[in-house]
Amino acid sequence: MEKYQYTQNWFFGAELYAKVLEYVSGKEKMSVLEIGCFEGLSSVYIADNLLQHEESTLVCVDPFMNIQDNDHASLLQNDAEARFDYNISHCNYPDKVSVHKMTSDAFFETNQKNYDFIYIDGSHVCDIITRDMENSFRFLNSNGIMWMDDYCGGHEGNIMNTMNAFINAHADQLEVIHTGYQIAIRKK
């Protein structure tokens, strides 16, 4: 990860970084979606490790500062988008990555593709989290994995409660495969 530019190293402590290769090899054909990219450390990790198959792809969705109520506005006042662009251009498979600089809601309005793996690390607003999970699950292939950040994040337990409500509502359609600061499910 030395070749990448970043100001925040949160991703190195993420369970996705430490454990995702226990669930997928990266060598099989995979269609991956990432909601929320910030400087792109998770994006390039996914690209470098999960896109080894010649037909694997990654779709990155992040509005950066294109919306007014971005909950990371203070962090995005810097050059996060420029670092994201730089990092993607320097990953092992830049040609397998497509970038949609828009909200996840706008992306899902026109998306017609299903995914094998979805990483959600976007907004911390509960209504948006619910929509991101519902929309992502709708486009997740059977046996696909959906991995969510901030499960044990702040916001007085609201994020955990929001994610648990989704999991409980779809309990017969999924299994929880990882629980920690992050949570991951597999679609049945």
N, C-alpha and C. Protein backbone atom coordinates (compact mmCIF):
# COMPACT_ATOMS: atom_id res chain seq x y z
N MET A 1 0.83 -1.19 0.00
CA MET A 1 0.00 0.00 0.00
C MET A 1 0.88 1.26 0.00
N GLU A 2 2.18 1.07 -0.08
CA GLU A 2 3.10 2.21 -0.05
C GLU A 2 2.96 3.13 -1.25
N LYS A 3 2.50 2.61 -2.37
CA LYS A 3 2.42 3.43 -3.58
C LYS A 3 1.22 4.36 -3.61
N TYR A 4 0.38 4.31 -2.57
CA TYR A 4 -0.84 5.10 -2.57
C TYR A 4 -0.71 6.34 -1.69
N GLN A 5 -1.53 7.34 -1.99
CA GLN A 5 -1.56 8.59 -1.24
C GLN A 5 -2.80 8.62 -0.35
N TYR A 6 -2.63 8.94 0.94
CA TYR A 6 -3.76 9.03 1.84
C TYR A 6 -3.39 9.87 3.06
N THR A 7 -4.40 10.48 3.64
CA THR A 7 -4.20 11.25 4.87
C THR A 7 -4.80 10.52 6.08
N GLN A 8 -5.72 9.59 5.84
CA GLN A 8 -6.36 8.82 6.90
C GLN A 8 -6.07 7.34 6.68
N ASN A 9 -5.69 6.64 7.74
CA ASN A 9 -5.36 5.22 7.61
C ASN A 9 -6.39 4.31 8.27
N TRP A 10 -7.63 4.79 8.39
CA TRP A 10 -8.70 4.01 9.01
C TRP A 10 -8.80 2.61 8.42
N PHE A 11 -8.66 2.50 7.11
CA PHE A 11 -8.91 1.23 6.44
C PHE A 11 -7.98 0.13 6.92
N PHE A 12 -6.76 0.48 7.35
CA PHE A 12 -5.83 -0.55 7.80
C PHE A 12 -6.31 -1.25 9.07
N GLY A 13 -7.22 -0.63 9.80
CA GLY A 13 -7.81 -1.26 10.98
C GLY A 13 -9.14 -1.93 10.69
N ALA A 14 -9.61 -1.85 9.46
CA ALA A 14 -10.93 -2.42 9.11
C ALA A 14 -10.85 -3.94 9.01
N GLU A 15 -11.89 -4.58 9.45
CA GLU A 15 -11.95 -6.03 9.36
C GLU A 15 -11.98 -6.51 7.92
N LEU A 16 -12.52 -5.71 7.02
CA LEU A 16 -12.47 -6.07 5.60
C LEU A 16 -11.02 -6.27 5.17
N TYR A 17 -10.16 -5.35 5.57
CA TYR A 17 -8.72 -5.41 5.23
C TYR A 17 -8.10 -6.69 5.81
N ALA A 18 -8.47 -7.03 7.02
CA ALA A 18 -7.86 -8.18 7.71
C ALA A 18 -8.47 -9.52 7.34
N LYS A 19 -9.77 -9.55 6.95
CA LYS A 19 -10.47 -10.83 6.88
C LYS A 19 -11.14 -11.18 5.55
N VAL A 20 -11.25 -10.26 4.62
CA VAL A 20 -12.04 -10.55 3.42
C VAL A 20 -11.52 -11.77 2.66
N LEU A 21 -10.21 -11.98 2.68
CA LEU A 21 -9.65 -13.11 1.93
C LEU A 21 -9.94 -14.45 2.59
N GLU A 22 -10.55 -14.43 3.78
CA GLU A 22 -11.05 -15.67 4.38
C GLU A 22 -12.37 -16.09 3.74
N TYR A 23 -13.04 -15.17 3.06
CA TYR A 23 -14.36 -15.42 2.49
C TYR A 23 -14.36 -15.51 0.97
N VAL A 24 -13.40 -14.85 0.33
CA VAL A 24 -13.26 -14.91 -1.13
C VAL A 24 -11.79 -15.02 -1.47
N SER A 25 -11.48 -15.65 -2.59
CA SER A 25 -10.06 -15.84 -2.93
C SER A 25 -9.50 -14.70 -3.78
N GLY A 26 -10.37 -14.01 -4.49
CA GLY A 26 -9.89 -12.99 -5.41
C GLY A 26 -9.52 -13.55 -6.77
N LYS A 27 -9.50 -14.86 -6.88
CA LYS A 27 -9.11 -15.49 -8.14
C LYS A 27 -10.31 -15.88 -8.99
N GLU A 28 -11.50 -15.95 -8.35
CA GLU A 28 -12.70 -16.26 -9.11
C GLU A 28 -13.23 -14.98 -9.75
N LYS A 29 -14.04 -15.15 -10.77
CA LYS A 29 -14.66 -14.00 -11.42
C LYS A 29 -15.60 -13.33 -10.43
N MET A 30 -15.39 -12.03 -10.22
CA MET A 30 -16.21 -11.29 -9.26
C MET A 30 -16.61 -9.94 -9.82
N SER A 31 -17.84 -9.60 -9.55
CA SER A 31 -18.34 -8.26 -9.82
C SER A 31 -18.52 -7.60 -8.46
N VAL A 32 -17.77 -6.51 -8.22
CA VAL A 32 -17.73 -5.89 -6.90
C VAL A 32 -18.28 -4.46 -7.00
N LEU A 33 -19.06 -4.08 -5.99
CA LEU A 33 -19.59 -2.72 -5.86
C LEU A 33 -19.12 -2.16 -4.54
N GLU A 34 -18.65 -0.91 -4.55
CA GLU A 34 -18.27 -0.21 -3.33
C GLU A 34 -19.06 1.08 -3.23
N ILE A 35 -19.76 1.25 -2.11
CA ILE A 35 -20.52 2.47 -1.84
C ILE A 35 -19.75 3.26 -0.79
N GLY A 36 -19.22 4.42 -1.18
CA GLY A 36 -18.42 5.26 -0.30
C GLY A 36 -16.96 4.89 -0.43
N CYS A 37 -16.16 5.81 -0.95
CA CYS A 37 -14.76 5.48 -1.29
C CYS A 37 -13.71 6.37 -0.62
N PHE A 38 -14.08 7.60 -0.24
CA PHE A 38 -13.18 8.56 0.37
C PHE A 38 -11.89 8.67 -0.46
N GLU A 39 -10.72 8.37 0.10
CA GLU A 39 -9.46 8.52 -0.64
C GLU A 39 -9.12 7.29 -1.47
N GLY A 40 -9.91 6.24 -1.36
CA GLY A 40 -9.73 5.07 -2.20
C GLY A 40 -8.87 3.96 -1.64
N LEU A 41 -8.52 4.00 -0.36
CA LEU A 41 -7.71 2.89 0.17
C LEU A 41 -8.45 1.56 0.10
N SER A 42 -9.72 1.55 0.46
CA SER A 42 -10.49 0.30 0.35
C SER A 42 -10.66 -0.08 -1.11
N SER A 43 -10.83 0.90 -1.97
CA SER A 43 -11.02 0.64 -3.40
C SER A 43 -9.79 -0.05 -4.00
N VAL A 44 -8.61 0.48 -3.71
CA VAL A 44 -7.40 -0.12 -4.29
C VAL A 44 -7.08 -1.45 -3.64
N TYR A 45 -7.42 -1.61 -2.36
CA TYR A 45 -7.24 -2.91 -1.73
C TYR A 45 -8.13 -3.95 -2.41
N ILE A 46 -9.38 -3.59 -2.63
CA ILE A 46 -10.30 -4.48 -3.33
C ILE A 46 -9.79 -4.77 -4.73
N ALA A 47 -9.39 -3.74 -5.45
CA ALA A 47 -8.90 -3.93 -6.82
C ALA A 47 -7.67 -4.84 -6.83
N ASP A 48 -6.72 -4.57 -5.97
CA ASP A 48 -5.47 -5.34 -5.98
C ASP A 48 -5.65 -6.77 -5.52
N ASN A 49 -6.65 -7.04 -4.68
CA ASN A 49 -6.79 -8.37 -4.10
C ASN A 49 -7.98 -9.19 -4.61
N LEU A 50 -9.04 -8.53 -5.09
CA LEU A 50 -10.23 -9.28 -5.49
C LEU A 50 -10.46 -9.30 -7.00
N LEU A 51 -9.66 -8.60 -7.76
CA LEU A 51 -9.89 -8.51 -9.21
C LEU A 51 -8.85 -9.29 -10.01
N GLN A 52 -8.31 -10.35 -9.46
CA GLN A 52 -7.27 -11.11 -10.15
C GLN A 52 -7.78 -11.83 -11.39
N HIS A 53 -9.03 -12.28 -11.37
CA HIS A 53 -9.61 -12.93 -12.55
C HIS A 53 -9.74 -11.91 -13.67
N GLU A 54 -9.46 -12.30 -14.88
CA GLU A 54 -9.44 -11.34 -16.00
C GLU A 54 -10.77 -10.66 -16.25
N GLU A 55 -11.89 -11.27 -15.82
CA GLU A 55 -13.20 -10.67 -16.06
C GLU A 55 -13.79 -9.98 -14.81
N SER A 56 -13.04 -9.92 -13.73
CA SER A 56 -13.53 -9.28 -12.52
C SER A 56 -13.54 -7.76 -12.68
N THR A 57 -14.52 -7.11 -12.00
CA THR A 57 -14.66 -5.66 -12.10
C THR A 57 -15.02 -5.07 -10.74
N LEU A 58 -14.74 -3.77 -10.59
CA LEU A 58 -15.11 -3.01 -9.40
C LEU A 58 -15.81 -1.74 -9.85
N VAL A 59 -16.98 -1.48 -9.27
CA VAL A 59 -17.71 -0.23 -9.49
C VAL A 59 -17.64 0.56 -8.19
N CYS A 60 -17.10 1.78 -8.25
CA CYS A 60 -16.98 2.66 -7.09
C CYS A 60 -18.02 3.77 -7.19
N VAL A 61 -18.75 4.00 -6.10
CA VAL A 61 -19.78 5.04 -6.07
C VAL A 61 -19.52 5.96 -4.88
N ASP A 62 -19.31 7.24 -5.17
CA ASP A 62 -19.11 8.24 -4.12
C ASP A 62 -19.40 9.61 -4.70
N PRO A 63 -20.20 10.43 -4.02
CA PRO A 63 -20.50 11.77 -4.55
C PRO A 63 -19.39 12.77 -4.25
N PHE A 64 -18.42 12.40 -3.43
CA PHE A 64 -17.41 13.32 -2.93
C PHE A 64 -18.13 14.57 -2.43
N MET A 65 -17.91 15.72 -2.91
CA MET A 65 -18.57 16.91 -2.37
C MET A 65 -19.72 17.39 -3.25
N ASN A 66 -20.29 16.52 -4.01
CA ASN A 66 -21.37 16.92 -4.91
C ASN A 66 -22.74 17.00 -4.24
N ILE A 67 -22.80 16.78 -2.94
CA ILE A 67 -24.06 16.94 -2.21
C ILE A 67 -23.82 17.86 -1.03
N GLN A 68 -24.86 18.52 -0.57
CA GLN A 68 -24.74 19.54 0.48
C GLN A 68 -24.55 18.95 1.88
N ASP A 69 -25.23 17.86 2.20
CA ASP A 69 -25.21 17.38 3.58
C ASP A 69 -24.32 16.16 3.78
N ASN A 70 -23.15 16.16 3.15
CA ASN A 70 -22.22 15.06 3.28
C ASN A 70 -21.70 15.01 4.72
N ASP A 71 -21.83 13.86 5.38
CA ASP A 71 -21.46 13.77 6.79
C ASP A 71 -19.95 13.71 7.01
N HIS A 72 -19.17 13.75 5.95
CA HIS A 72 -17.71 13.84 6.06
C HIS A 72 -17.21 15.16 5.46
N ALA A 73 -18.07 16.17 5.44
CA ALA A 73 -17.73 17.44 4.77
C ALA A 73 -16.41 18.02 5.25
N SER A 74 -16.15 17.98 6.55
CA SER A 74 -14.91 18.58 7.04
C SER A 74 -13.68 17.84 6.52
N LEU A 75 -13.77 16.53 6.36
CA LEU A 75 -12.65 15.75 5.83
C LEU A 75 -12.52 15.93 4.32
N LEU A 76 -13.63 16.17 3.65
CA LEU A 76 -13.60 16.28 2.20
C LEU A 76 -13.29 17.69 1.71
N GLN A 77 -12.96 18.60 2.63
CA GLN A 77 -12.55 19.94 2.20
C GLN A 77 -11.17 19.91 1.58
N ASN A 78 -10.46 18.82 1.77
CA ASN A 78 -9.12 18.71 1.23
C ASN A 78 -9.15 18.07 -0.15
N ASP A 79 -8.10 17.39 -0.53
CA ASP A 79 -8.00 16.83 -1.87
C ASP A 79 -8.33 15.34 -1.90
N ALA A 80 -9.34 14.91 -1.15
CA ALA A 80 -9.68 13.49 -1.08
C ALA A 80 -10.03 12.94 -2.45
N GLU A 81 -10.79 13.68 -3.23
CA GLU A 81 -11.17 13.19 -4.56
C GLU A 81 -9.95 13.05 -5.46
N ALA A 82 -9.03 14.00 -5.40
CA ALA A 82 -7.80 13.92 -6.21
C ALA A 82 -6.95 12.73 -5.78
N ARG A 83 -6.88 12.46 -4.46
CA ARG A 83 -6.13 11.29 -3.99
C ARG A 83 -6.82 10.01 -4.44
N PHE A 84 -8.15 9.99 -4.37
CA PHE A 84 -8.89 8.82 -4.86
C PHE A 84 -8.54 8.56 -6.33
N ASP A 85 -8.62 9.59 -7.17
CA ASP A 85 -8.30 9.43 -8.60
C ASP A 85 -6.87 8.94 -8.80
N TYR A 86 -5.93 9.50 -8.06
CA TYR A 86 -4.52 9.08 -8.15
C TYR A 86 -4.40 7.61 -7.76
N ASN A 87 -5.00 7.25 -6.63
CA ASN A 87 -4.87 5.88 -6.14
C ASN A 87 -5.45 4.87 -7.12
N ILE A 88 -6.62 5.16 -7.67
CA ILE A 88 -7.22 4.25 -8.65
C ILE A 88 -6.30 4.10 -9.86
N SER A 89 -5.73 5.19 -10.31
CA SER A 89 -4.86 5.13 -11.50
C SER A 89 -3.59 4.34 -11.23
N HIS A 90 -3.22 4.14 -9.96
CA HIS A 90 -2.01 3.42 -9.61
C HIS A 90 -2.26 2.01 -9.06
N CYS A 91 -3.52 1.57 -9.03
CA CYS A 91 -3.78 0.22 -8.54
C CYS A 91 -3.38 -0.80 -9.61
N ASN A 92 -3.39 -2.07 -9.25
CA ASN A 92 -2.95 -3.12 -10.17
C ASN A 92 -3.85 -3.28 -11.38
N TYR A 93 -5.14 -2.94 -11.25
CA TYR A 93 -6.09 -3.16 -12.34
C TYR A 93 -6.97 -1.93 -12.59
N PRO A 94 -6.38 -0.78 -12.92
CA PRO A 94 -7.20 0.42 -13.09
C PRO A 94 -8.25 0.30 -14.20
N ASP A 95 -7.98 -0.51 -15.20
CA ASP A 95 -8.94 -0.67 -16.30
C ASP A 95 -10.17 -1.50 -15.91
N LYS A 96 -10.11 -2.17 -14.76
CA LYS A 96 -11.25 -2.96 -14.30
C LYS A 96 -12.13 -2.18 -13.33
N VAL A 97 -11.77 -0.91 -13.07
CA VAL A 97 -12.49 -0.08 -12.10
C VAL A 97 -13.26 0.99 -12.85
N SER A 98 -14.56 1.10 -12.55
CA SER A 98 -15.36 2.21 -13.06
C SER A 98 -15.82 3.05 -11.88
N VAL A 99 -15.85 4.35 -12.08
CA VAL A 99 -16.15 5.28 -11.00
C VAL A 99 -17.39 6.08 -11.34
N HIS A 100 -18.31 6.14 -10.38
CA HIS A 100 -19.54 6.93 -10.53
C HIS A 100 -19.54 7.98 -9.42
N LYS A 101 -19.25 9.22 -9.78
CA LYS A 101 -19.19 10.30 -8.80
C LYS A 101 -20.59 10.88 -8.64
N MET A 102 -21.37 10.16 -7.83
CA MET A 102 -22.77 10.51 -7.58
C MET A 102 -23.20 9.85 -6.29
N THR A 103 -24.39 10.20 -5.83
CA THR A 103 -24.92 9.55 -4.64
C THR A 103 -25.28 8.10 -4.96
N SER A 104 -25.35 7.30 -3.94
CA SER A 104 -25.76 5.91 -4.13
C SER A 104 -27.21 5.84 -4.61
N ASP A 105 -28.06 6.74 -4.12
CA ASP A 105 -29.45 6.77 -4.58
C ASP A 105 -29.51 6.99 -6.09
N ALA A 106 -28.75 7.96 -6.59
CA ALA A 106 -28.72 8.24 -8.03
C ALA A 106 -28.17 7.04 -8.80
N PHE A 107 -27.13 6.41 -8.26
CA PHE A 107 -26.55 5.24 -8.92
C PHE A 107 -27.57 4.12 -9.05
N PHE A 108 -28.27 3.80 -7.97
CA PHE A 108 -29.21 2.69 -7.99
C PHE A 108 -30.43 2.96 -8.87
N GLU A 109 -30.74 4.21 -9.14
CA GLU A 109 -31.86 4.53 -10.03
C GLU A 109 -31.65 3.97 -11.43
N THR A 110 -30.40 3.86 -11.88
CA THR A 110 -30.12 3.40 -13.24
C THR A 110 -29.33 2.09 -13.29
N ASN A 111 -28.86 1.61 -12.14
CA ASN A 111 -28.08 0.37 -12.14
C ASN A 111 -28.92 -0.81 -12.64
N GLN A 112 -28.30 -1.64 -13.47
CA GLN A 112 -28.97 -2.84 -13.96
C GLN A 112 -28.10 -4.08 -13.78
N LYS A 113 -27.03 -3.95 -13.03
CA LYS A 113 -26.06 -5.02 -12.88
C LYS A 113 -26.16 -5.63 -11.49
N ASN A 114 -25.92 -6.93 -11.38
CA ASN A 114 -25.85 -7.61 -10.10
C ASN A 114 -24.39 -7.79 -9.70
N TYR A 115 -24.17 -7.98 -8.40
CA TYR A 115 -22.82 -8.03 -7.86
C TYR A 115 -22.63 -9.26 -6.97
N ASP A 116 -21.38 -9.72 -6.92
CA ASP A 116 -21.01 -10.86 -6.08
C ASP A 116 -20.54 -10.41 -4.70
N PHE A 117 -20.03 -9.18 -4.63
CA PHE A 117 -19.50 -8.64 -3.38
C PHE A 117 -19.81 -7.15 -3.35
N ILE A 118 -20.38 -6.68 -2.24
CA ILE A 118 -20.69 -5.26 -2.09
C ILE A 118 -20.14 -4.79 -0.75
N TYR A 119 -19.37 -3.70 -0.80
CA TYR A 119 -18.84 -3.08 0.41
C TYR A 119 -19.53 -1.74 0.60
N ILE A 120 -20.20 -1.57 1.74
CA ILE A 120 -20.93 -0.33 2.02
C ILE A 120 -20.21 0.43 3.14
N ASP A 121 -19.69 1.59 2.78
CA ASP A 121 -19.03 2.48 3.73
C ASP A 121 -19.34 3.92 3.33
N GLY A 122 -20.62 4.19 3.12
CA GLY A 122 -21.04 5.51 2.68
C GLY A 122 -21.51 6.37 3.82
N SER A 123 -22.68 6.88 3.70
CA SER A 123 -23.25 7.81 4.67
C SER A 123 -23.46 7.15 6.03
N HIS A 124 -23.45 8.00 7.08
CA HIS A 124 -23.77 7.53 8.42
C HIS A 124 -25.17 7.97 8.84
N VAL A 125 -25.95 8.45 7.90
CA VAL A 125 -27.33 8.87 8.14
C VAL A 125 -28.21 7.62 8.01
N CYS A 126 -28.96 7.31 9.04
CA CYS A 126 -29.69 6.03 9.11
C CYS A 126 -30.62 5.79 7.93
N ASP A 127 -31.35 6.78 7.47
CA ASP A 127 -32.23 6.59 6.31
C ASP A 127 -31.44 6.19 5.07
N ILE A 128 -30.27 6.80 4.90
CA ILE A 128 -29.43 6.48 3.74
C ILE A 128 -28.81 5.09 3.91
N ILE A 129 -28.39 4.75 5.12
CA ILE A 129 -27.87 3.39 5.37
C ILE A 129 -28.91 2.35 5.00
N THR A 130 -30.14 2.57 5.42
CA THR A 130 -31.22 1.63 5.10
C THR A 130 -31.39 1.51 3.59
N ARG A 131 -31.43 2.62 2.89
CA ARG A 131 -31.57 2.58 1.42
C ARG A 131 -30.37 1.89 0.77
N ASP A 132 -29.16 2.20 1.26
CA ASP A 132 -27.97 1.55 0.69
C ASP A 132 -28.03 0.04 0.88
N MET A 133 -28.45 -0.41 2.05
CA MET A 133 -28.52 -1.85 2.30
C MET A 133 -29.63 -2.49 1.47
N GLU A 134 -30.81 -1.89 1.44
CA GLU A 134 -31.92 -2.44 0.66
C GLU A 134 -31.56 -2.50 -0.83
N ASN A 135 -31.06 -1.39 -1.36
CA ASN A 135 -30.70 -1.35 -2.78
C ASN A 135 -29.58 -2.33 -3.10
N SER A 136 -28.57 -2.36 -2.25
CA SER A 136 -27.46 -3.28 -2.49
C SER A 136 -27.92 -4.72 -2.45
N PHE A 137 -28.73 -5.07 -1.46
CA PHE A 137 -29.20 -6.45 -1.32
C PHE A 137 -30.03 -6.86 -2.54
N ARG A 138 -30.78 -5.93 -3.08
CA ARG A 138 -31.59 -6.22 -4.28
C ARG A 138 -30.70 -6.60 -5.46
N PHE A 139 -29.50 -6.02 -5.53
CA PHE A 139 -28.59 -6.27 -6.65
C PHE A 139 -27.45 -7.24 -6.28
N LEU A 140 -27.57 -7.91 -5.14
CA LEU A 140 -26.57 -8.88 -4.70
C LEU A 140 -26.96 -10.26 -5.21
N ASN A 141 -26.03 -10.92 -5.87
CA ASN A 141 -26.28 -12.28 -6.37
C ASN A 141 -26.48 -13.25 -5.21
N SER A 142 -27.16 -14.35 -5.47
CA SER A 142 -27.26 -15.42 -4.49
C SER A 142 -25.86 -15.89 -4.14
N ASN A 143 -25.62 -16.15 -2.88
CA ASN A 143 -24.32 -16.54 -2.34
C ASN A 143 -23.33 -15.37 -2.32
N GLY A 144 -23.80 -14.17 -2.70
CA GLY A 144 -22.95 -12.98 -2.67
C GLY A 144 -22.81 -12.45 -1.25
N ILE A 145 -21.76 -11.68 -1.04
CA ILE A 145 -21.45 -11.11 0.27
C ILE A 145 -21.67 -9.60 0.24
N MET A 146 -22.31 -9.12 1.30
CA MET A 146 -22.47 -7.68 1.51
C MET A 146 -21.78 -7.37 2.83
N TRP A 147 -20.78 -6.49 2.79
CA TRP A 147 -19.96 -6.16 3.95
C TRP A 147 -20.19 -4.70 4.29
N MET A 148 -20.54 -4.38 5.55
CA MET A 148 -20.87 -3.03 5.96
C MET A 148 -19.91 -2.52 7.03
N ASP A 149 -19.47 -1.28 6.86
CA ASP A 149 -18.60 -0.63 7.83
C ASP A 149 -19.44 0.05 8.91
N ASP A 150 -18.80 0.37 10.00
CA ASP A 150 -19.37 1.20 11.08
C ASP A 150 -20.52 0.55 11.83
N TYR A 151 -20.61 -0.77 11.78
CA TYR A 151 -21.68 -1.46 12.52
C TYR A 151 -21.65 -1.07 14.00
N CYS A 152 -20.48 -1.02 14.57
CA CYS A 152 -20.34 -0.61 15.97
C CYS A 152 -19.89 0.84 16.08
N GLY A 153 -20.12 1.61 15.03
CA GLY A 153 -19.75 3.03 15.03
C GLY A 153 -20.62 3.82 15.97
N GLY A 154 -20.23 5.04 16.21
CA GLY A 154 -20.91 5.93 17.14
C GLY A 154 -22.37 6.16 16.84
N HIS A 155 -22.77 7.38 16.88
CA HIS A 155 -24.16 7.77 16.61
C HIS A 155 -25.13 7.07 17.56
N GLU A 156 -24.68 6.89 18.83
CA GLU A 156 -25.54 6.36 19.91
C GLU A 156 -26.20 5.03 19.56
N GLY A 157 -25.51 4.18 18.84
CA GLY A 157 -26.04 2.87 18.50
C GLY A 157 -27.02 2.87 17.35
N ASN A 158 -27.28 4.03 16.77
CA ASN A 158 -28.27 4.09 15.69
C ASN A 158 -27.85 3.31 14.45
N ILE A 159 -26.55 3.31 14.13
CA ILE A 159 -26.09 2.57 12.95
C ILE A 159 -26.31 1.08 13.17
N MET A 160 -25.90 0.58 14.34
CA MET A 160 -26.10 -0.84 14.64
C MET A 160 -27.59 -1.20 14.60
N ASN A 161 -28.42 -0.37 15.21
CA ASN A 161 -29.86 -0.64 15.22
C ASN A 161 -30.42 -0.64 13.81
N THR A 162 -29.96 0.28 12.97
CA THR A 162 -30.42 0.36 11.58
C THR A 162 -30.02 -0.90 10.82
N MET A 163 -28.77 -1.31 10.97
CA MET A 163 -28.30 -2.52 10.26
C MET A 163 -28.99 -3.77 10.80
N ASN A 164 -29.18 -3.84 12.11
CA ASN A 164 -29.88 -4.99 12.69
C ASN A 164 -31.32 -5.08 12.20
N ALA A 165 -31.98 -3.93 12.05
CA ALA A 165 -33.36 -3.92 11.54
C ALA A 165 -33.40 -4.51 10.13
N PHE A 166 -32.44 -4.15 9.29
CA PHE A 166 -32.37 -4.72 7.95
C PHE A 166 -32.14 -6.23 8.03
N ILE A 167 -31.18 -6.64 8.82
CA ILE A 167 -30.84 -8.07 8.94
C ILE A 167 -32.03 -8.86 9.46
N ASN A 168 -32.71 -8.35 10.45
CA ASN A 168 -33.88 -9.04 11.00
C ASN A 168 -35.01 -9.12 9.97
N ALA A 169 -35.20 -8.06 9.19
CA ALA A 169 -36.27 -8.05 8.18
C ALA A 169 -36.00 -9.05 7.07
N HIS A 170 -34.73 -9.38 6.84
CA HIS A 170 -34.36 -10.29 5.75
C HIS A 170 -33.72 -11.57 6.28
N ALA A 171 -33.99 -11.92 7.53
CA ALA A 171 -33.33 -13.04 8.19
C ALA A 171 -33.44 -14.35 7.42
N ASP A 172 -34.56 -14.57 6.74
CA ASP A 172 -34.73 -15.81 6.00
C ASP A 172 -34.00 -15.80 4.65
N GLN A 173 -33.44 -14.66 4.27
CA GLN A 173 -32.76 -14.54 2.97
C GLN A 173 -31.25 -14.41 3.10
N LEU A 174 -30.73 -14.41 4.32
CA LEU A 174 -29.30 -14.16 4.51
C LEU A 174 -28.78 -14.89 5.72
N GLU A 175 -27.46 -14.96 5.81
CA GLU A 175 -26.80 -15.43 7.02
C GLU A 175 -25.70 -14.43 7.35
N VAL A 176 -25.56 -14.13 8.64
CA VAL A 176 -24.48 -13.25 9.09
C VAL A 176 -23.22 -14.10 9.14
N ILE A 177 -22.17 -13.65 8.44
CA ILE A 177 -20.93 -14.43 8.38
C ILE A 177 -19.78 -13.78 9.15
N HIS A 178 -19.95 -12.51 9.51
CA HIS A 178 -18.92 -11.84 10.30
C HIS A 178 -19.58 -10.73 11.12
N THR A 179 -19.19 -10.62 12.37
CA THR A 179 -19.65 -9.53 13.23
C THR A 179 -18.48 -9.02 14.04
N GLY A 180 -18.31 -7.72 14.03
CA GLY A 180 -17.28 -7.02 14.80
C GLY A 180 -17.61 -5.55 14.69
N TYR A 181 -16.59 -4.72 14.51
CA TYR A 181 -16.87 -3.31 14.24
C TYR A 181 -17.63 -3.21 12.92
N GLN A 182 -17.30 -4.11 11.99
CA GLN A 182 -18.03 -4.25 10.73
C GLN A 182 -18.89 -5.50 10.81
N ILE A 183 -19.85 -5.59 9.88
CA ILE A 183 -20.69 -6.79 9.83
C ILE A 183 -20.81 -7.21 8.36
N ALA A 184 -20.86 -8.52 8.14
CA ALA A 184 -20.99 -9.04 6.78
C ALA A 184 -22.05 -10.13 6.74
N ILE A 185 -22.77 -10.15 5.63
CA ILE A 185 -23.80 -11.16 5.42
C ILE A 185 -23.59 -11.84 4.08
N ARG A 186 -24.10 -13.05 3.98
CA ARG A 186 -24.13 -13.76 2.70
C ARG A 186 -25.59 -13.98 2.33
N LYS A 187 -25.93 -13.67 1.08
CA LYS A 187 -27.31 -13.84 0.61
C LYS A 187 -27.53 -15.31 0.28
N LYS A 188 -28.65 -15.84 0.75
CA LYS A 188 -28.99 -17.24 0.46
C LYS A 188 -29.50 -17.39 -0.95
